[in-house]
Amino acid sequence: MLQLSDSPPTRPLASIEEAYELCRQITAKYSKTFYLGTLLLPETKRRAIWAIYVWCRRTDELVDGPQAQFTNEETLDRWEGQLESVFDGNPVDDADVAMVDTLHHFPLDIQPFRDMIAGQRMDLYRSRYETFEELRLYCYRVAGTVGLMSTTVMGIAPQLSTAPWNQRQISPNPPKEAVSLGIANQLTNILRDVGEDARRGRIYLPLEDLEFFNYTEADLIDGVVDDRWRTFMQFQIQRARKFYAEAEQGISVLSPDARWPVWTALMLYRKILDVIEENQYDVFRRRAYVPMARKLFCLPIALVRARAL
């Protein structure tokens, strides 16, 4: 999907409407759960989220896509240069047209985008993480940054009360909770894709945790599911759920029209953890996915939480 070129485009770029439609189609194709949540947003915000999603996916594909073997530091330098061109208002390709328009509507900061590219740079030379703190930095860069980008689009509700007793309360910090949601989602991805990643020579699990539970890299590559693995996975799932719980605290301060979509996205993605448990933690031979009926069941519950919490 992503091709970088030093040459100017040989045809006129897409119109704004065509660019957003391209982003919609890519989001719907590659992230069905996420796409369902975006449909609950107002149109302008929905389209902006599609544009951001596509930029993030294209960034990820540089390292994990079909042409990843050709990606090096220079490739990422060129991609960062294209990012700077977009923020200067000069789209390079069709998807960029949607991003430039999104920047006209929302005051996005370029730094989270740069941080995400830094996360892809980590993938160029790292395939193991000794500690969770190391992994957490990676998760922030490749996913927590998405929370920061999205929060700018979602918007923050103005404070409705300045009563002294409310001022003394500890208020949620939207950027912090947004990063927590991104990290939670990435940890969920990691746990769901353990087998696939291992076959590509990558282990996104803290090696110190594997050692603590006496589970080896060889066991992981062989796809061993035993009591050691199940206990290890229970620990990792609990950690991911703590990040989801932190993220919940920030939803109430978002703009009212964003709360239902964010609650929906959070609940749907967290349910992947439930499916992993239902599959007896066998992420090597069974891919965890949430059936559509269960997704639809979440919608009214998310709406209630959006209005009541």
C-alpha atoms as a PDB file:
ATOM      1  CA  MET A   1       0.000   0.000   0.000  1.00  0.00           C
ATOM      2  CA  LEU A   2       2.888   2.385   0.720  1.00  0.00           C
ATOM      3  CA  GLN A   3       5.357   3.431  -1.926  1.00  0.00           C
ATOM      4  CA  LEU A   4       7.906   6.142  -1.333  1.00  0.00           C
ATOM      5  CA  SER A   5       9.192   8.054  -4.301  1.00  0.00           C
ATOM      6  CA  ASP A   6      11.707  10.840  -4.725  1.00  0.00           C
ATOM      7  CA  SER A   7       9.914  11.918  -7.893  1.00  0.00           C
ATOM      8  CA  PRO A   8       6.875  14.215  -7.983  1.00  0.00           C
ATOM      9  CA  PRO A   9       3.545  12.503  -8.768  1.00  0.00           C
ATOM     10  CA  THR A  10       2.933  11.916 -12.473  1.00  0.00           C
ATOM     11  CA  ARG A  11      -0.834  12.486 -12.186  1.00  0.00           C
ATOM     12  CA  PRO A  12      -3.057  14.916 -10.328  1.00  0.00           C
ATOM     13  CA  LEU A  13      -3.633  13.978  -6.705  1.00  0.00           C
ATOM     14  CA  ALA A  14      -7.039  12.862  -5.471  1.00  0.00           C
ATOM     15  CA  SER A  15      -9.644  15.377  -4.435  1.00  0.00           C
ATOM     16  CA  ILE A  16     -10.329  15.783  -0.730  1.00  0.00           C
ATOM     17  CA  GLU A  17     -13.470  13.661  -0.987  1.00  0.00           C
ATOM     18  CA  GLU A  18     -11.648  10.943  -2.918  1.00  0.00           C
ATOM     19  CA  ALA A  19      -8.792  10.956  -0.405  1.00  0.00           C
ATOM     20  CA  TYR A  20     -11.123  10.528   2.564  1.00  0.00           C
ATOM     21  CA  GLU A  21     -12.998   7.755   0.768  1.00  0.00           C
ATOM     22  CA  LEU A  22      -9.682   5.984   0.209  1.00  0.00           C
ATOM     23  CA  CYS A  23      -8.917   6.289   3.921  1.00  0.00           C
ATOM     24  CA  ARG A  24     -12.383   5.012   4.816  1.00  0.00           C
ATOM     25  CA  GLN A  25     -11.966   1.953   2.632  1.00  0.00           C
ATOM     26  CA  ILE A  26      -8.541   1.118   4.043  1.00  0.00           C
ATOM     27  CA  THR A  27      -9.766   1.507   7.634  1.00  0.00           C
ATOM     28  CA  ALA A  28     -12.827  -0.664   6.974  1.00  0.00           C
ATOM     29  CA  LYS A  29     -10.705  -3.356   5.312  1.00  0.00           C
ATOM     30  CA  TYR A  30      -7.857  -3.642   7.773  1.00  0.00           C
ATOM     31  CA  SER A  31      -9.410  -2.741  11.137  1.00  0.00           C
ATOM     32  CA  LYS A  32     -13.043  -3.802  11.268  1.00  0.00           C
ATOM     33  CA  THR A  33     -13.385  -3.380  15.034  1.00  0.00           C
ATOM     34  CA  PHE A  34     -11.830   0.079  15.024  1.00  0.00           C
ATOM     35  CA  TYR A  35     -13.875   1.098  11.970  1.00  0.00           C
ATOM     36  CA  LEU A  36     -17.119   0.189  13.719  1.00  0.00           C
ATOM     37  CA  GLY A  37     -16.268   2.593  16.523  1.00  0.00           C
ATOM     38  CA  THR A  38     -15.450   5.432  14.129  1.00  0.00           C
ATOM     39  CA  LEU A  39     -18.899   5.251  12.561  1.00  0.00           C
ATOM     40  CA  LEU A  40     -20.328   6.632  15.804  1.00  0.00           C
ATOM     41  CA  LEU A  41     -18.386   9.891  15.444  1.00  0.00           C
ATOM     42  CA  PRO A  42     -19.601  13.063  13.719  1.00  0.00           C
ATOM     43  CA  GLU A  43     -18.509  13.162  10.086  1.00  0.00           C
ATOM     44  CA  THR A  44     -15.621  15.621  10.383  1.00  0.00           C
ATOM     45  CA  LYS A  45     -14.083  13.770  13.312  1.00  0.00           C
ATOM     46  CA  ARG A  46     -14.753  10.392  11.724  1.00  0.00           C
ATOM     47  CA  ARG A  47     -12.933  11.316   8.534  1.00  0.00           C
ATOM     48  CA  ALA A  48     -10.015  12.786  10.466  1.00  0.00           C
ATOM     49  CA  ILE A  49      -9.618   9.549  12.422  1.00  0.00           C
ATOM     50  CA  TRP A  50      -9.623   7.576   9.164  1.00  0.00           C
ATOM     51  CA  ALA A  51      -6.856   9.814   7.809  1.00  0.00           C
ATOM     52  CA  ILE A  52      -4.787   9.350  10.962  1.00  0.00           C
ATOM     53  CA  TYR A  53      -5.370   5.589  10.946  1.00  0.00           C
ATOM     54  CA  VAL A  54      -4.163   5.296   7.366  1.00  0.00           C
ATOM     55  CA  TRP A  55      -1.049   7.349   8.058  1.00  0.00           C
ATOM     56  CA  CYS A  56      -0.285   5.108  11.049  1.00  0.00           C
ATOM     57  CA  ARG A  57      -0.899   1.949   9.050  1.00  0.00           C
ATOM     58  CA  ARG A  58       1.351   3.107   6.246  1.00  0.00           C
ATOM     59  CA  THR A  59       4.047   3.871   8.808  1.00  0.00           C
ATOM     60  CA  ASP A  60       3.697   0.404  10.332  1.00  0.00           C
ATOM     61  CA  GLU A  61       3.834  -1.271   6.929  1.00  0.00           C
ATOM     62  CA  LEU A  62       7.284   0.174   6.310  1.00  0.00           C
ATOM     63  CA  VAL A  63       8.597  -2.314   8.868  1.00  0.00           C
ATOM     64  CA  ASP A  64       5.897  -5.019   8.903  1.00  0.00           C
ATOM     65  CA  GLY A  65       4.474  -4.850   5.380  1.00  0.00           C
ATOM     66  CA  PRO A  66       5.267  -6.920   2.258  1.00  0.00           C
ATOM     67  CA  GLN A  67       8.184  -4.667   1.295  1.00  0.00           C
ATOM     68  CA  ALA A  68       9.632  -4.476   4.808  1.00  0.00           C
ATOM     69  CA  GLN A  69      12.870  -6.214   3.808  1.00  0.00           C
ATOM     70  CA  PHE A  70      13.787  -3.123   1.795  1.00  0.00           C
ATOM     71  CA  THR A  71      13.194  -0.693   4.672  1.00  0.00           C
ATOM     72  CA  ASN A  72      16.194   0.914   6.347  1.00  0.00           C
ATOM     73  CA  GLU A  73      17.007   4.111   8.226  1.00  0.00           C
ATOM     74  CA  GLU A  74      17.063   6.051   4.979  1.00  0.00           C
ATOM     75  CA  THR A  75      13.546   4.836   4.166  1.00  0.00           C
ATOM     76  CA  LEU A  76      12.275   6.137   7.482  1.00  0.00           C
ATOM     77  CA  ASP A  77      14.153   9.402   6.993  1.00  0.00           C
ATOM     78  CA  ARG A  78      12.332   9.866   3.685  1.00  0.00           C
ATOM     79  CA  TRP A  79       9.001   9.008   5.316  1.00  0.00           C
ATOM     80  CA  GLU A  80       9.651  11.572   8.056  1.00  0.00           C
ATOM     81  CA  GLY A  81      10.442  14.085   5.347  1.00  0.00           C
ATOM     82  CA  GLN A  82       7.109  13.316   3.709  1.00  0.00           C
ATOM     83  CA  LEU A  83       5.423  13.832   7.089  1.00  0.00           C
ATOM     84  CA  GLU A  84       7.011  17.278   7.357  1.00  0.00           C
ATOM     85  CA  SER A  85       5.773  18.060   3.847  1.00  0.00           C
ATOM     86  CA  VAL A  86       2.229  17.149   4.907  1.00  0.00           C
ATOM     87  CA  PHE A  87       2.450  19.401   7.969  1.00  0.00           C
ATOM     88  CA  ASP A  88       3.662  22.165   5.650  1.00  0.00           C
ATOM     89  CA  GLY A  89       0.461  21.687   3.631  1.00  0.00           C
ATOM     90  CA  ASN A  90       2.074  19.916   0.672  1.00  0.00           C
ATOM     91  CA  PRO A  91       0.629  16.416   0.088  1.00  0.00           C
ATOM     92  CA  VAL A  92       2.826  13.947  -1.748  1.00  0.00           C
ATOM     93  CA  ASP A  93       0.237  11.278  -2.528  1.00  0.00           C
ATOM     94  CA  ASP A  94      -3.511  10.678  -2.356  1.00  0.00           C
ATOM     95  CA  ALA A  95      -3.733   9.672   1.307  1.00  0.00           C
ATOM     96  CA  ASP A  96      -1.708  12.757   2.228  1.00  0.00           C
ATOM     97  CA  VAL A  97      -4.488  14.920   0.808  1.00  0.00           C
ATOM     98  CA  ALA A  98      -6.805  13.723   3.587  1.00  0.00           C
ATOM     99  CA  MET A  99      -4.144  14.340   6.241  1.00  0.00           C
ATOM    100  CA  VAL A 100      -3.514  17.892   5.021  1.00  0.00           C
ATOM    101  CA  ASP A 101      -7.243  18.604   5.183  1.00  0.00           C
ATOM    102  CA  THR A 102      -7.412  17.054   8.659  1.00  0.00           C
ATOM    103  CA  LEU A 103      -4.658  19.424   9.780  1.00  0.00           C
ATOM    104  CA  HIS A 104      -6.806  22.337   8.603  1.00  0.00           C
ATOM    105  CA  HIS A 105      -9.593  21.203  10.933  1.00  0.00           C
ATOM    106  CA  PHE A 106      -7.646  20.013  13.986  1.00  0.00           C
ATOM    107  CA  PRO A 107      -4.470  21.396  15.651  1.00  0.00           C
ATOM    108  CA  LEU A 108      -2.488  18.173  15.565  1.00  0.00           C
ATOM    109  CA  ASP A 109       1.065  18.235  16.926  1.00  0.00           C
ATOM    110  CA  ILE A 110       3.728  16.677  14.705  1.00  0.00           C
ATOM    111  CA  GLN A 111       5.668  15.181  17.648  1.00  0.00           C
ATOM    112  CA  PRO A 112       3.474  12.074  18.198  1.00  0.00           C
ATOM    113  CA  PHE A 113       3.844  11.314  14.493  1.00  0.00           C
ATOM    114  CA  ARG A 114       7.608  11.599  14.778  1.00  0.00           C
ATOM    115  CA  ASP A 115       7.526   9.411  17.890  1.00  0.00           C
ATOM    116  CA  MET A 116       5.667   6.731  15.957  1.00  0.00           C
ATOM    117  CA  ILE A 117       8.352   6.734  13.282  1.00  0.00           C
ATOM    118  CA  ALA A 118      10.895   6.369  16.108  1.00  0.00           C
ATOM    119  CA  GLY A 119       8.983   3.243  17.156  1.00  0.00           C
ATOM    120  CA  GLN A 120       9.418   1.806  13.676  1.00  0.00           C
ATOM    121  CA  ARG A 121      13.129   2.571  13.907  1.00  0.00           C
ATOM    122  CA  MET A 122      13.210   0.360  17.013  1.00  0.00           C
ATOM    123  CA  ASP A 123      11.805  -2.498  14.929  1.00  0.00           C
ATOM    124  CA  LEU A 124      14.717  -2.189  12.520  1.00  0.00           C
ATOM    125  CA  TYR A 125      17.234  -3.315  15.103  1.00  0.00           C
ATOM    126  CA  ARG A 126      15.278  -4.823  18.010  1.00  0.00           C
ATOM    127  CA  SER A 127      13.382  -8.100  18.134  1.00  0.00           C
ATOM    128  CA  ARG A 128      13.549  -8.674  21.902  1.00  0.00           C
ATOM    129  CA  TYR A 129      12.729  -6.624  25.027  1.00  0.00           C
ATOM    130  CA  GLU A 130      14.351  -7.501  28.333  1.00  0.00           C
ATOM    131  CA  THR A 131      11.986  -5.602  30.634  1.00  0.00           C
ATOM    132  CA  PHE A 132       8.466  -4.288  30.550  1.00  0.00           C
ATOM    133  CA  GLU A 133       9.738  -0.712  30.807  1.00  0.00           C
ATOM    134  CA  GLU A 134      11.590  -1.220  27.522  1.00  0.00           C
ATOM    135  CA  LEU A 135       8.480  -2.690  25.955  1.00  0.00           C
ATOM    136  CA  ARG A 136       6.349   0.110  27.358  1.00  0.00           C
ATOM    137  CA  LEU A 137       8.460   2.694  25.509  1.00  0.00           C
ATOM    138  CA  TYR A 138       7.942   0.751  22.299  1.00  0.00           C
ATOM    139  CA  CYS A 139       4.186   0.525  22.960  1.00  0.00           C
ATOM    140  CA  TYR A 140       4.013   4.257  23.577  1.00  0.00           C
ATOM    141  CA  ARG A 141       5.772   5.035  20.332  1.00  0.00           C
ATOM    142  CA  VAL A 142       3.768   2.735  18.074  1.00  0.00           C
ATOM    143  CA  ALA A 143       0.366   3.024  19.792  1.00  0.00           C
ATOM    144  CA  GLY A 144       0.275   5.484  22.684  1.00  0.00           C
ATOM    145  CA  THR A 145       1.013   8.154  20.117  1.00  0.00           C
ATOM    146  CA  VAL A 146      -2.241   7.237  18.368  1.00  0.00           C
ATOM    147  CA  GLY A 147      -4.077   8.101  21.566  1.00  0.00           C
ATOM    148  CA  LEU A 148      -2.495  11.550  21.583  1.00  0.00           C
ATOM    149  CA  MET A 149      -3.343  12.131  17.914  1.00  0.00           C
ATOM    150  CA  SER A 150      -6.917  10.951  18.409  1.00  0.00           C
ATOM    151  CA  THR A 151      -7.545  13.024  21.543  1.00  0.00           C
ATOM    152  CA  THR A 152      -6.870  16.196  19.581  1.00  0.00           C
ATOM    153  CA  VAL A 153      -9.589  15.159  17.128  1.00  0.00           C
ATOM    154  CA  MET A 154     -12.020  13.950  19.790  1.00  0.00           C
ATOM    155  CA  GLY A 155     -11.782  17.194  21.728  1.00  0.00           C
ATOM    156  CA  ILE A 156     -11.995  17.963  25.442  1.00  0.00           C
ATOM    157  CA  ALA A 157     -15.240  19.095  27.016  1.00  0.00           C
ATOM    158  CA  PRO A 158     -15.167  22.470  28.810  1.00  0.00           C
ATOM    159  CA  GLN A 159     -15.433  22.277  32.586  1.00  0.00           C
ATOM    160  CA  LEU A 160     -19.076  22.593  33.567  1.00  0.00           C
ATOM    161  CA  SER A 161     -18.437  23.459  37.198  1.00  0.00           C
ATOM    162  CA  THR A 162     -15.939  25.552  39.080  1.00  0.00           C
ATOM    163  CA  ALA A 163     -17.286  24.810  42.546  1.00  0.00           C
ATOM    164  CA  PRO A 164     -14.513  24.629  45.138  1.00  0.00           C
ATOM    165  CA  TRP A 165     -15.223  20.986  45.960  1.00  0.00           C
ATOM    166  CA  ASN A 166     -14.804  20.086  42.265  1.00  0.00           C
ATOM    167  CA  GLN A 167     -11.606  22.100  42.004  1.00  0.00           C
ATOM    168  CA  ARG A 168     -10.066  20.097  44.811  1.00  0.00           C
ATOM    169  CA  GLN A 169     -10.802  16.785  43.099  1.00  0.00           C
ATOM    170  CA  ILE A 170      -8.058  15.067  41.128  1.00  0.00           C
ATOM    171  CA  SER A 171      -9.136  15.412  37.511  1.00  0.00           C
ATOM    172  CA  PRO A 172      -8.286  12.974  34.736  1.00  0.00           C
ATOM    173  CA  ASN A 173      -5.412  13.932  32.496  1.00  0.00           C
ATOM    174  CA  PRO A 174      -6.643  13.256  28.939  1.00  0.00           C
ATOM    175  CA  PRO A 175      -3.197  12.854  27.327  1.00  0.00           C
ATOM    176  CA  LYS A 176      -2.144  10.358  30.016  1.00  0.00           C
ATOM    177  CA  GLU A 177      -5.326   8.295  29.697  1.00  0.00           C
ATOM    178  CA  ALA A 178      -5.129   8.482  25.898  1.00  0.00           C
ATOM    179  CA  VAL A 179      -1.613   7.052  25.999  1.00  0.00           C
ATOM    180  CA  SER A 180      -2.834   4.333  28.388  1.00  0.00           C
ATOM    181  CA  LEU A 181      -5.501   3.297  25.894  1.00  0.00           C
ATOM    182  CA  GLY A 182      -2.936   3.100  23.118  1.00  0.00           C
ATOM    183  CA  ILE A 183      -0.616   0.996  25.268  1.00  0.00           C
ATOM    184  CA  ALA A 184      -3.515  -1.271  26.283  1.00  0.00           C
ATOM    185  CA  ASN A 185      -4.429  -1.809  22.643  1.00  0.00           C
ATOM    186  CA  GLN A 186      -0.835  -2.575  21.693  1.00  0.00           C
ATOM    187  CA  LEU A 187      -0.404  -5.040  24.548  1.00  0.00           C
ATOM    188  CA  THR A 188      -3.605  -6.715  23.352  1.00  0.00           C
ATOM    189  CA  ASN A 189      -2.184  -6.912  19.824  1.00  0.00           C
ATOM    190  CA  ILE A 190       1.022  -8.414  21.182  1.00  0.00           C
ATOM    191  CA  LEU A 191      -0.803 -11.111  23.147  1.00  0.00           C
ATOM    192  CA  ARG A 192      -3.099 -11.928  20.231  1.00  0.00           C
ATOM    193  CA  ASP A 193      -0.232 -12.115  17.714  1.00  0.00           C
ATOM    194  CA  VAL A 194       2.389 -13.961  19.786  1.00  0.00           C
ATOM    195  CA  GLY A 195       2.519 -16.924  17.420  1.00  0.00           C
ATOM    196  CA  GLU A 196       2.631 -14.848  14.261  1.00  0.00           C
ATOM    197  CA  ASP A 197       5.354 -12.591  15.652  1.00  0.00           C
ATOM    198  CA  ALA A 198       7.441 -15.564  16.821  1.00  0.00           C
ATOM    199  CA  ARG A 199       7.351 -17.044  13.327  1.00  0.00           C
ATOM    200  CA  ARG A 200       8.823 -13.752  12.085  1.00  0.00           C
ATOM    201  CA  GLY A 201      11.569 -13.919  14.684  1.00  0.00           C
ATOM    202  CA  ARG A 202      10.083 -11.254  16.953  1.00  0.00           C
ATOM    203  CA  ILE A 203       9.197 -11.572  20.631  1.00  0.00           C
ATOM    204  CA  TYR A 204       7.287  -8.623  22.047  1.00  0.00           C
ATOM    205  CA  LEU A 205       7.069 -10.127  25.522  1.00  0.00           C
ATOM    206  CA  PRO A 206       9.378  -9.075  28.369  1.00  0.00           C
ATOM    207  CA  LEU A 207      12.093 -11.691  28.563  1.00  0.00           C
ATOM    208  CA  GLU A 208      12.356 -11.181  32.312  1.00  0.00           C
ATOM    209  CA  ASP A 209       8.693 -12.186  32.627  1.00  0.00           C
ATOM    210  CA  LEU A 210       9.235 -15.323  30.546  1.00  0.00           C
ATOM    211  CA  GLU A 211      12.163 -16.224  32.782  1.00  0.00           C
ATOM    212  CA  PHE A 212      10.125 -15.589  35.939  1.00  0.00           C
ATOM    213  CA  PHE A 213       7.501 -18.081  34.772  1.00  0.00           C
ATOM    214  CA  ASN A 214      10.207 -20.535  33.641  1.00  0.00           C
ATOM    215  CA  TYR A 215       9.036 -20.402  30.027  1.00  0.00           C
ATOM    216  CA  THR A 216      11.762 -20.314  27.372  1.00  0.00           C
ATOM    217  CA  GLU A 217      12.093 -18.768  23.941  1.00  0.00           C
ATOM    218  CA  ALA A 218      12.279 -22.283  22.548  1.00  0.00           C
ATOM    219  CA  ASP A 219       8.927 -23.069  24.194  1.00  0.00           C
ATOM    220  CA  LEU A 220       7.501 -19.942  22.616  1.00  0.00           C
ATOM    221  CA  ILE A 221       8.740 -20.798  19.138  1.00  0.00           C
ATOM    222  CA  ASP A 222       7.349 -24.321  19.528  1.00  0.00           C
ATOM    223  CA  GLY A 223       3.992 -22.950  20.667  1.00  0.00           C
ATOM    224  CA  VAL A 224       3.930 -24.817  23.972  1.00  0.00           C
ATOM    225  CA  VAL A 225       0.680 -24.266  25.892  1.00  0.00           C
ATOM    226  CA  ASP A 226       0.987 -25.600  29.430  1.00  0.00           C
ATOM    227  CA  ASP A 227       0.468 -24.387  32.982  1.00  0.00           C
ATOM    228  CA  ARG A 228       3.551 -22.150  32.763  1.00  0.00           C
ATOM    229  CA  TRP A 229       2.227 -20.449  29.652  1.00  0.00           C
ATOM    230  CA  ARG A 230      -1.300 -20.078  30.972  1.00  0.00           C
ATOM    231  CA  THR A 231      -0.052 -18.483  34.207  1.00  0.00           C
ATOM    232  CA  PHE A 232       2.237 -16.199  32.229  1.00  0.00           C
ATOM    233  CA  MET A 233      -0.627 -15.124  29.959  1.00  0.00           C
ATOM    234  CA  GLN A 234      -2.924 -14.486  32.917  1.00  0.00           C
ATOM    235  CA  PHE A 235      -0.299 -12.088  34.278  1.00  0.00           C
ATOM    236  CA  GLN A 236       0.097 -10.297  30.937  1.00  0.00           C
ATOM    237  CA  ILE A 237      -3.667  -9.990  30.414  1.00  0.00           C
ATOM    238  CA  GLN A 238      -4.088  -8.516  33.882  1.00  0.00           C
ATOM    239  CA  ARG A 239      -1.426  -5.925  33.062  1.00  0.00           C
ATOM    240  CA  ALA A 240      -3.220  -4.958  29.849  1.00  0.00           C
ATOM    241  CA  ARG A 241      -6.526  -4.629  31.692  1.00  0.00           C
ATOM    242  CA  LYS A 242      -4.953  -2.212  34.158  1.00  0.00           C
ATOM    243  CA  PHE A 243      -4.093   0.081  31.255  1.00  0.00           C
ATOM    244  CA  TYR A 244      -7.663  -0.183  29.975  1.00  0.00           C
ATOM    245  CA  ALA A 245      -8.902   0.748  33.462  1.00  0.00           C
ATOM    246  CA  GLU A 246      -6.617   3.799  33.470  1.00  0.00           C
ATOM    247  CA  ALA A 247      -7.900   4.795  30.047  1.00  0.00           C
ATOM    248  CA  GLU A 248     -11.526   4.643  31.192  1.00  0.00           C
ATOM    249  CA  GLN A 249     -10.872   7.477  33.645  1.00  0.00           C
ATOM    250  CA  GLY A 250     -10.237   9.943  30.829  1.00  0.00           C
ATOM    251  CA  ILE A 251     -13.315   9.314  28.684  1.00  0.00           C
ATOM    252  CA  SER A 252     -15.601  11.475  30.803  1.00  0.00           C
ATOM    253  CA  VAL A 253     -13.597  14.624  29.973  1.00  0.00           C
ATOM    254  CA  LEU A 254     -13.784  14.101  26.221  1.00  0.00           C
ATOM    255  CA  SER A 255     -16.212  16.041  24.077  1.00  0.00           C
ATOM    256  CA  PRO A 256     -19.688  14.473  24.527  1.00  0.00           C
ATOM    257  CA  ASP A 257     -19.910  13.400  20.875  1.00  0.00           C
ATOM    258  CA  ALA A 258     -16.707  11.372  21.268  1.00  0.00           C
ATOM    259  CA  ARG A 259     -17.500   9.443  24.437  1.00  0.00           C
ATOM    260  CA  TRP A 260     -19.703   6.755  22.920  1.00  0.00           C
ATOM    261  CA  PRO A 261     -17.227   5.923  20.125  1.00  0.00           C
ATOM    262  CA  VAL A 262     -14.289   5.794  22.537  1.00  0.00           C
ATOM    263  CA  TRP A 263     -16.159   3.627  25.033  1.00  0.00           C
ATOM    264  CA  THR A 264     -17.164   1.346  22.158  1.00  0.00           C
ATOM    265  CA  ALA A 265     -13.620   1.063  20.806  1.00  0.00           C
ATOM    266  CA  LEU A 266     -12.214   0.384  24.279  1.00  0.00           C
ATOM    267  CA  MET A 267     -14.780  -2.281  25.101  1.00  0.00           C
ATOM    268  CA  LEU A 268     -14.485  -4.037  21.748  1.00  0.00           C
ATOM    269  CA  TYR A 269     -10.706  -4.212  21.842  1.00  0.00           C
ATOM    270  CA  ARG A 270     -10.627  -5.323  25.467  1.00  0.00           C
ATOM    271  CA  LYS A 271     -12.902  -8.227  24.556  1.00  0.00           C
ATOM    272  CA  ILE A 272     -10.062  -9.716  22.530  1.00  0.00           C
ATOM    273  CA  LEU A 273      -8.499 -10.526  25.904  1.00  0.00           C
ATOM    274  CA  ASP A 274     -11.696 -12.347  26.888  1.00  0.00           C
ATOM    275  CA  VAL A 275     -11.485 -14.447  23.729  1.00  0.00           C
ATOM    276  CA  ILE A 276      -7.847 -15.331  24.435  1.00  0.00           C
ATOM    277  CA  GLU A 277      -8.993 -16.643  27.816  1.00  0.00           C
ATOM    278  CA  GLU A 278     -11.856 -18.557  26.218  1.00  0.00           C
ATOM    279  CA  ASN A 279      -9.352 -20.138  23.843  1.00  0.00           C
ATOM    280  CA  GLN A 280      -7.376 -21.398  26.851  1.00  0.00           C
ATOM    281  CA  TYR A 281      -4.532 -18.993  26.001  1.00  0.00           C
ATOM    282  CA  ASP A 282      -3.673 -20.836  22.781  1.00  0.00           C
ATOM    283  CA  VAL A 283      -2.598 -17.875  20.671  1.00  0.00           C
ATOM    284  CA  PHE A 284      -0.379 -20.084  18.542  1.00  0.00           C
ATOM    285  CA  ARG A 285      -3.066 -22.066  16.735  1.00  0.00           C
ATOM    286  CA  ARG A 286      -6.237 -20.018  17.366  1.00  0.00           C
ATOM    287  CA  ARG A 287      -6.534 -16.344  16.454  1.00  0.00           C
ATOM    288  CA  ALA A 288      -8.611 -14.399  18.952  1.00  0.00           C
ATOM    289  CA  TYR A 289     -11.336 -12.347  17.316  1.00  0.00           C
ATOM    290  CA  VAL A 290     -14.603 -10.910  18.573  1.00  0.00           C
ATOM    291  CA  PRO A 291     -17.697 -12.125  16.637  1.00  0.00           C
ATOM    292  CA  MET A 292     -19.927  -9.434  15.154  1.00  0.00           C
ATOM    293  CA  ALA A 293     -22.886 -10.356  17.362  1.00  0.00           C
ATOM    294  CA  ARG A 294     -20.784  -9.725  20.457  1.00  0.00           C
ATOM    295  CA  LYS A 295     -19.548  -6.440  19.007  1.00  0.00           C
ATOM    296  CA  LEU A 296     -23.090  -5.227  18.410  1.00  0.00           C
ATOM    297  CA  PHE A 297     -24.071  -6.227  21.933  1.00  0.00           C
ATOM    298  CA  CYS A 298     -21.428  -3.802  23.239  1.00  0.00           C
ATOM    299  CA  LEU A 299     -22.951  -0.764  21.535  1.00  0.00           C
ATOM    300  CA  PRO A 300     -25.866  -0.071  23.917  1.00  0.00           C
ATOM    301  CA  ILE A 301     -23.703  -0.795  26.959  1.00  0.00           C
ATOM    302  CA  ALA A 302     -21.091   1.652  25.699  1.00  0.00           C
ATOM    303  CA  LEU A 303     -23.808   4.249  25.124  1.00  0.00           C
ATOM    304  CA  VAL A 304     -25.053   3.923  28.699  1.00  0.00           C
ATOM    305  CA  ARG A 305     -21.530   4.318  30.039  1.00  0.00           C
ATOM    306  CA  ALA A 306     -20.906   7.322  27.800  1.00  0.00           C
ATOM    307  CA  ARG A 307     -23.954   9.069  29.226  1.00  0.00           C
ATOM    308  CA  ALA A 308     -23.675   7.991  32.854  1.00  0.00           C
ATOM    309  CA  LEU A 309     -19.942   7.953  33.633  1.00  0.00           C
END
